[in-house]
Amino acid sequence: MARDVVSAKLDIIFKKIFSENKDMLESFISSMLDIPLDKIKEITLTNPEIPPESYSGKFSRLDMTMKVDNRLVNVEIQIKNDNDFRDRTLFYWAKLYTSELKSGDDYGELKQTITINIINFNMFGGNDFHTEVAAMIKGTNEVFSDKMSIHFCELKKLSKKPNPDNSRELWLQFINADSEEDLEMINQTNIPIMQKAVRVIYDMSENTRIKEEARLREKALHDEASALKQAKNEGREEGRAEGRAEGRAEGRAEGREEGIAAVVVKMKAAGLSESEIQRILNL
């Protein structure tokens, strides 16, 4: 019987895995940013802790922010599609970009800032699971600044079969794994760091406390999605009701205006002057 496993696609599990296993974090960041592992001197997590209220807190954002040598990097898992997700990721990128600039500092001290969004929905056309957004000059494709980089990794576009020749894809396939069968396929690549990642998932899946935290987090995310859906439905219904009320009011107003216009035509035909008509209408 296949064991029930927790998924790294759940943000709380993702953060636990990579905040508690430095070698896995280094391999993951190296793969995501296409930087040779031996070129990364240091990775420092700036928000390693997971506040207890995050387990069951709706509308709480659980991400990982770190310094990778002289870069600022933020990683976030997003399960549900939000209409404003593009604006949101720009907002968080901008906040991170300016976060270390102190009053009086030179703008040239701003660091290269990178956000990595791992999303469980499709955002772009085409079949590529990885898209990088950069600041380019329109018309020439010349790089305006290398300090802006936003990555989107679309899990829905991944193949189920692990690809040992593409480390970025392999890490994303690990994150996307939902079953023991998926994890065993990754295990069979015989890549040591990926085999360790599978063992970490198995160990977490045997931990009663972690499984309960994961259950609470999943429930909070479902509740959040339901609350947003209900709010949207109520907003649409209120909009329709207001539209109907406004339509009735406009209809009555239009009816009065049409009636007055007809009376004015008749009064003019009877030979009344404009001033006489105006005086009568103001009575």
Protein backbone atom coordinates (compact mmCIF):
# COMPACT_ATOMS: atom_id res chain seq x y z
CA MET A 1 0.00 0.00 0.00
CA ALA A 2 1.43 3.39 -1.03
CA ARG A 3 2.22 5.69 1.84
CA ASP A 4 0.47 9.04 2.27
CA VAL A 5 3.08 11.73 1.67
CA VAL A 6 3.13 15.45 2.32
CA SER A 7 3.73 17.66 -0.70
CA ALA A 8 6.50 20.23 -1.11
CA LYS A 9 3.93 22.17 -3.16
CA LEU A 10 2.37 23.23 0.14
CA ASP A 11 4.20 26.40 1.16
CA ILE A 12 4.70 25.38 4.77
CA ILE A 13 6.35 22.08 3.73
CA PHE A 14 8.42 23.82 1.05
CA LYS A 15 9.80 26.31 3.57
CA LYS A 16 10.57 23.64 6.16
CA ILE A 17 12.46 21.54 3.63
CA PHE A 18 14.71 24.29 2.32
CA SER A 19 15.20 26.26 5.54
CA GLU A 20 16.35 23.14 7.40
CA ASN A 21 18.58 21.61 4.69
CA LYS A 22 21.27 24.01 3.54
CA ASP A 23 22.73 21.70 0.89
CA MET A 24 19.30 21.25 -0.70
CA LEU A 25 18.69 25.02 -0.65
CA GLU A 26 22.03 25.66 -2.34
CA SER A 27 21.29 23.08 -5.05
CA PHE A 28 17.79 24.44 -5.56
CA ILE A 29 18.92 28.09 -5.90
CA SER A 30 21.80 27.09 -8.17
CA SER A 31 19.33 25.27 -10.44
CA MET A 32 16.62 27.94 -10.39
CA LEU A 33 19.02 30.79 -11.20
CA ASP A 34 21.33 28.76 -13.45
CA ILE A 35 24.37 29.63 -11.36
CA PRO A 36 27.07 26.95 -11.00
CA LEU A 37 27.01 25.66 -7.44
CA ASP A 38 30.71 26.37 -6.91
CA LYS A 39 30.12 30.02 -7.87
CA ILE A 40 27.75 30.56 -4.93
CA LYS A 41 29.78 31.63 -1.91
CA GLU A 42 27.01 32.06 0.67
CA ILE A 43 23.24 31.85 1.06
CA THR A 44 21.72 33.50 4.13
CA LEU A 45 18.01 33.12 4.88
CA THR A 46 16.58 36.34 6.28
CA ASN A 47 13.19 34.90 7.33
CA PRO A 48 13.82 31.23 8.22
CA GLU A 49 11.18 30.98 10.94
CA ILE A 50 7.59 29.92 10.31
CA PRO A 51 5.25 31.77 12.72
CA PRO A 52 2.81 29.31 14.36
CA GLU A 53 -0.16 31.45 13.28
CA SER A 54 0.81 30.79 9.65
CA TYR A 55 -0.39 27.19 9.92
CA SER A 56 -4.03 28.14 10.17
CA GLY A 57 -3.95 31.82 9.25
CA LYS A 58 -5.94 32.83 6.20
CA PHE A 59 -4.50 35.46 3.87
CA SER A 60 -0.99 34.89 5.27
CA ARG A 61 1.88 34.95 2.79
CA LEU A 62 4.54 32.30 3.44
CA ASP A 63 7.71 32.91 1.43
CA MET A 64 11.48 32.62 1.69
CA THR A 65 13.73 35.66 1.47
CA MET A 66 17.50 35.29 1.31
CA LYS A 67 20.79 36.83 0.33
CA VAL A 68 22.68 34.89 -2.31
CA ASP A 69 26.13 36.49 -2.27
CA ASN A 70 25.32 40.08 -3.32
CA ARG A 71 21.80 39.35 -4.60
CA LEU A 72 18.43 39.58 -2.87
CA VAL A 73 16.21 36.60 -3.65
CA ASN A 74 12.61 35.84 -2.76
CA VAL A 75 10.91 32.50 -3.40
CA GLU A 76 7.16 31.98 -3.15
CA ILE A 77 4.77 29.11 -3.87
CA GLN A 78 1.37 30.16 -5.22
CA ILE A 79 -1.31 27.48 -5.51
CA LYS A 80 -4.36 29.49 -6.58
CA ASN A 81 -4.51 31.96 -9.45
CA ASP A 82 -5.26 35.54 -8.42
CA ASN A 83 -6.25 38.11 -11.01
CA ASP A 84 -3.79 40.58 -9.51
CA PHE A 85 -0.86 38.17 -9.16
CA ARG A 86 1.32 39.99 -11.71
CA ASP A 87 0.82 43.30 -9.91
CA ARG A 88 1.44 41.63 -6.57
CA THR A 89 4.74 40.09 -7.62
CA LEU A 90 5.89 43.46 -9.00
CA PHE A 91 4.95 45.09 -5.70
CA TYR A 92 6.91 42.55 -3.62
CA TRP A 93 9.87 42.72 -6.00
CA ALA A 94 9.94 46.53 -5.61
CA LYS A 95 9.70 46.30 -1.80
CA LEU A 96 12.59 43.84 -1.69
CA TYR A 97 14.65 45.92 -4.16
CA THR A 98 14.45 49.02 -1.96
CA SER A 99 14.52 47.21 1.40
CA GLU A 100 18.22 47.70 2.14
CA LEU A 101 18.69 51.23 0.79
CA LYS A 102 19.10 53.58 3.73
CA SER A 103 18.69 57.34 3.75
CA GLY A 104 21.76 58.92 2.17
CA ASP A 105 22.87 55.74 0.37
CA ASP A 106 23.84 55.90 -3.28
CA TYR A 107 21.33 54.35 -5.69
CA GLY A 108 24.19 52.36 -7.18
CA GLU A 109 24.22 50.31 -3.97
CA LEU A 110 20.85 48.77 -4.82
CA LYS A 111 21.35 45.02 -5.25
CA GLN A 112 20.25 42.71 -8.02
CA THR A 113 16.83 41.54 -6.86
CA ILE A 114 15.28 38.27 -8.02
CA THR A 115 11.88 36.77 -7.30
CA ILE A 116 11.05 33.15 -8.06
CA ASN A 117 7.34 32.38 -8.29
CA ILE A 118 6.47 28.68 -8.33
CA ILE A 119 2.86 28.63 -9.47
CA ASN A 120 0.35 25.80 -9.71
CA PHE A 121 -1.53 27.32 -12.65
CA ASN A 122 -0.77 28.46 -16.18
CA MET A 123 0.06 32.13 -16.68
CA PHE A 124 1.71 32.34 -20.08
CA GLY A 125 1.07 30.84 -23.50
CA GLY A 126 3.27 28.12 -24.95
CA ASN A 127 4.66 24.97 -23.39
CA ASP A 128 7.73 26.34 -21.59
CA PHE A 129 7.41 25.78 -17.85
CA HIS A 130 9.96 28.50 -17.03
CA THR A 131 9.66 32.20 -17.93
CA GLU A 132 11.99 34.98 -16.86
CA VAL A 133 10.80 38.59 -16.92
CA ALA A 134 13.54 41.19 -17.24
CA ALA A 135 13.80 44.96 -17.78
CA MET A 136 14.37 45.36 -21.54
CA ILE A 137 14.32 48.31 -23.92
CA LYS A 138 11.32 47.97 -26.24
CA GLY A 139 12.27 47.54 -29.87
CA THR A 140 15.91 46.59 -29.34
CA ASN A 141 15.69 43.96 -26.56
CA GLU A 142 18.70 45.64 -24.98
CA VAL A 143 18.87 45.02 -21.24
CA PHE A 144 17.88 48.19 -19.39
CA SER A 145 19.08 46.86 -16.03
CA ASP A 146 20.21 43.45 -14.82
CA LYS A 147 19.00 44.29 -11.32
CA MET A 148 15.44 43.16 -12.10
CA SER A 149 14.64 39.50 -12.61
CA ILE A 150 11.29 37.79 -12.01
CA HIS A 151 10.96 34.07 -12.63
CA PHE A 152 7.73 32.13 -13.10
CA CYS A 153 7.80 28.33 -12.91
CA GLU A 154 4.48 26.81 -14.04
CA LEU A 155 4.02 23.38 -12.42
CA LYS A 156 1.09 22.45 -14.67
CA LYS A 157 3.43 22.38 -17.70
CA LEU A 158 5.88 19.87 -16.24
CA SER A 159 6.24 16.35 -17.52
CA LYS A 160 5.56 13.60 -14.97
CA LYS A 161 8.73 11.79 -16.01
CA PRO A 162 11.79 13.14 -14.14
CA ASN A 163 14.45 14.76 -16.29
CA PRO A 164 17.90 14.07 -14.76
CA ASP A 165 19.58 16.26 -17.40
CA ASN A 166 17.77 19.44 -16.33
CA SER A 167 18.29 20.23 -12.64
CA ARG A 168 15.77 23.11 -12.62
CA GLU A 169 13.07 20.86 -14.06
CA LEU A 170 14.00 18.04 -11.68
CA TRP A 171 13.63 20.26 -8.59
CA LEU A 172 10.27 21.51 -9.84
CA GLN A 173 9.17 17.91 -10.46
CA PHE A 174 10.12 17.12 -6.88
CA ILE A 175 8.07 20.08 -5.62
CA ASN A 176 5.15 18.99 -7.81
CA ALA A 177 5.22 15.37 -6.61
CA ASP A 178 1.92 14.34 -4.99
CA SER A 179 2.46 10.62 -4.39
CA GLU A 180 4.99 8.00 -3.39
CA GLU A 181 5.04 6.89 -7.03
CA ASP A 182 6.08 10.39 -8.17
CA LEU A 183 8.81 10.53 -5.51
CA GLU A 184 10.14 7.08 -6.35
CA MET A 185 10.62 8.11 -9.99
CA ILE A 186 12.77 10.99 -8.73
CA ASN A 187 14.60 8.63 -6.38
CA GLN A 188 15.49 6.39 -9.32
CA THR A 189 17.46 9.16 -11.02
CA ASN A 190 20.23 8.20 -8.55
CA ILE A 191 21.17 11.85 -8.08
CA PRO A 192 22.31 12.06 -4.43
CA ILE A 193 20.79 15.46 -3.58
CA MET A 194 17.44 14.43 -5.07
CA GLN A 195 17.51 11.12 -3.21
CA LYS A 196 18.10 13.08 -0.01
CA ALA A 197 15.13 15.34 -0.88
CA VAL A 198 12.90 12.27 -1.24
CA ARG A 199 14.09 10.90 2.14
CA VAL A 200 13.32 14.27 3.77
CA ILE A 201 9.75 14.12 2.41
CA TYR A 202 9.32 10.56 3.65
CA ASP A 203 10.60 11.50 7.14
CA MET A 204 8.28 14.52 7.28
CA SER A 205 5.37 12.32 6.20
CA GLU A 206 5.97 10.12 9.26
CA ASN A 207 6.00 13.09 11.63
CA THR A 208 2.56 13.50 13.23
CA ARG A 209 3.14 17.13 14.22
CA ILE A 210 4.23 18.16 10.72
CA LYS A 211 1.29 16.34 9.13
CA GLU A 212 -1.10 18.18 11.45
CA GLU A 213 0.52 21.52 10.62
CA ALA A 214 0.19 20.67 6.93
CA ARG A 215 -3.48 19.77 7.42
CA LEU A 216 -4.17 23.10 9.15
CA ARG A 217 -2.35 25.00 6.42
CA GLU A 218 -4.25 23.23 3.64
CA LYS A 219 -7.53 23.96 5.43
CA ALA A 220 -6.59 27.65 5.78
CA LEU A 221 -5.78 27.87 2.06
CA HIS A 222 -9.10 26.19 1.15
CA ASP A 223 -10.98 28.54 3.50
CA GLU A 224 -9.21 31.50 1.95
CA ALA A 225 -10.15 30.39 -1.57
CA SER A 226 -13.78 29.87 -0.48
CA ALA A 227 -13.90 33.27 1.22
CA LEU A 228 -12.55 35.01 -1.88
CA LYS A 229 -14.99 33.17 -4.12
CA GLN A 230 -17.93 34.06 -1.86
CA ALA A 231 -16.84 37.71 -1.74
CA LYS A 232 -16.64 37.83 -5.54
CA ASN A 233 -20.08 36.21 -5.90
CA GLU A 234 -21.60 38.63 -3.38
CA GLY A 235 -19.94 41.54 -5.16
CA ARG A 236 -21.37 40.44 -8.50
CA GLU A 237 -24.84 40.01 -7.00
CA GLU A 238 -24.71 43.44 -5.34
CA GLY A 239 -23.55 44.91 -8.62
CA ARG A 240 -26.45 43.32 -10.48
CA ALA A 241 -28.93 44.55 -7.85
CA GLU A 242 -27.55 48.08 -7.99
CA GLY A 243 -27.62 47.94 -11.77
CA ARG A 244 -31.27 46.90 -11.76
CA ALA A 245 -32.16 49.68 -9.28
CA GLU A 246 -30.26 52.27 -11.30
CA GLY A 247 -31.91 51.00 -14.46
CA ARG A 248 -35.38 51.44 -12.95
CA ALA A 249 -34.50 54.94 -11.72
CA GLU A 250 -33.05 55.88 -15.09
CA GLY A 251 -36.14 54.47 -16.79
CA ARG A 252 -38.43 56.64 -14.65
CA ALA A 253 -36.25 59.68 -15.26
CA GLU A 254 -36.20 59.03 -19.00
CA GLY A 255 -39.99 58.60 -18.98
CA ARG A 256 -40.47 61.96 -17.25
CA GLU A 257 -38.11 63.67 -19.67
CA GLU A 258 -39.89 62.20 -22.67
CA GLY A 259 -43.28 63.33 -21.26
CA ILE A 260 -42.03 66.88 -20.64
CA ALA A 261 -40.57 67.04 -24.14
CA ALA A 262 -43.93 66.05 -25.63
CA VAL A 263 -45.74 68.72 -23.59
CA VAL A 264 -43.23 71.39 -24.72
CA VAL A 265 -43.88 70.48 -28.37
CA LYS A 266 -47.62 70.87 -27.85
CA MET A 267 -47.21 74.22 -26.02
CA LYS A 268 -45.04 75.56 -28.82
CA ALA A 269 -47.66 74.43 -31.36
CA ALA A 270 -50.26 76.37 -29.36
CA GLY A 271 -48.18 79.52 -29.84
CA LEU A 272 -46.65 79.90 -26.36
CA SER A 273 -43.29 81.66 -26.15
CA GLU A 274 -40.12 80.15 -24.63
CA SER A 275 -40.43 82.34 -21.51
CA GLU A 276 -44.06 81.32 -21.02
CA ILE A 277 -43.23 77.65 -21.41
CA GLN A 278 -40.32 77.97 -18.91
CA ARG A 279 -42.56 79.73 -16.39
CA ILE A 280 -45.17 76.99 -16.67
CA LEU A 281 -42.62 74.20 -16.27
CA ASN A 282 -41.17 75.82 -13.14
CA LEU A 283 -44.58 76.00 -11.43
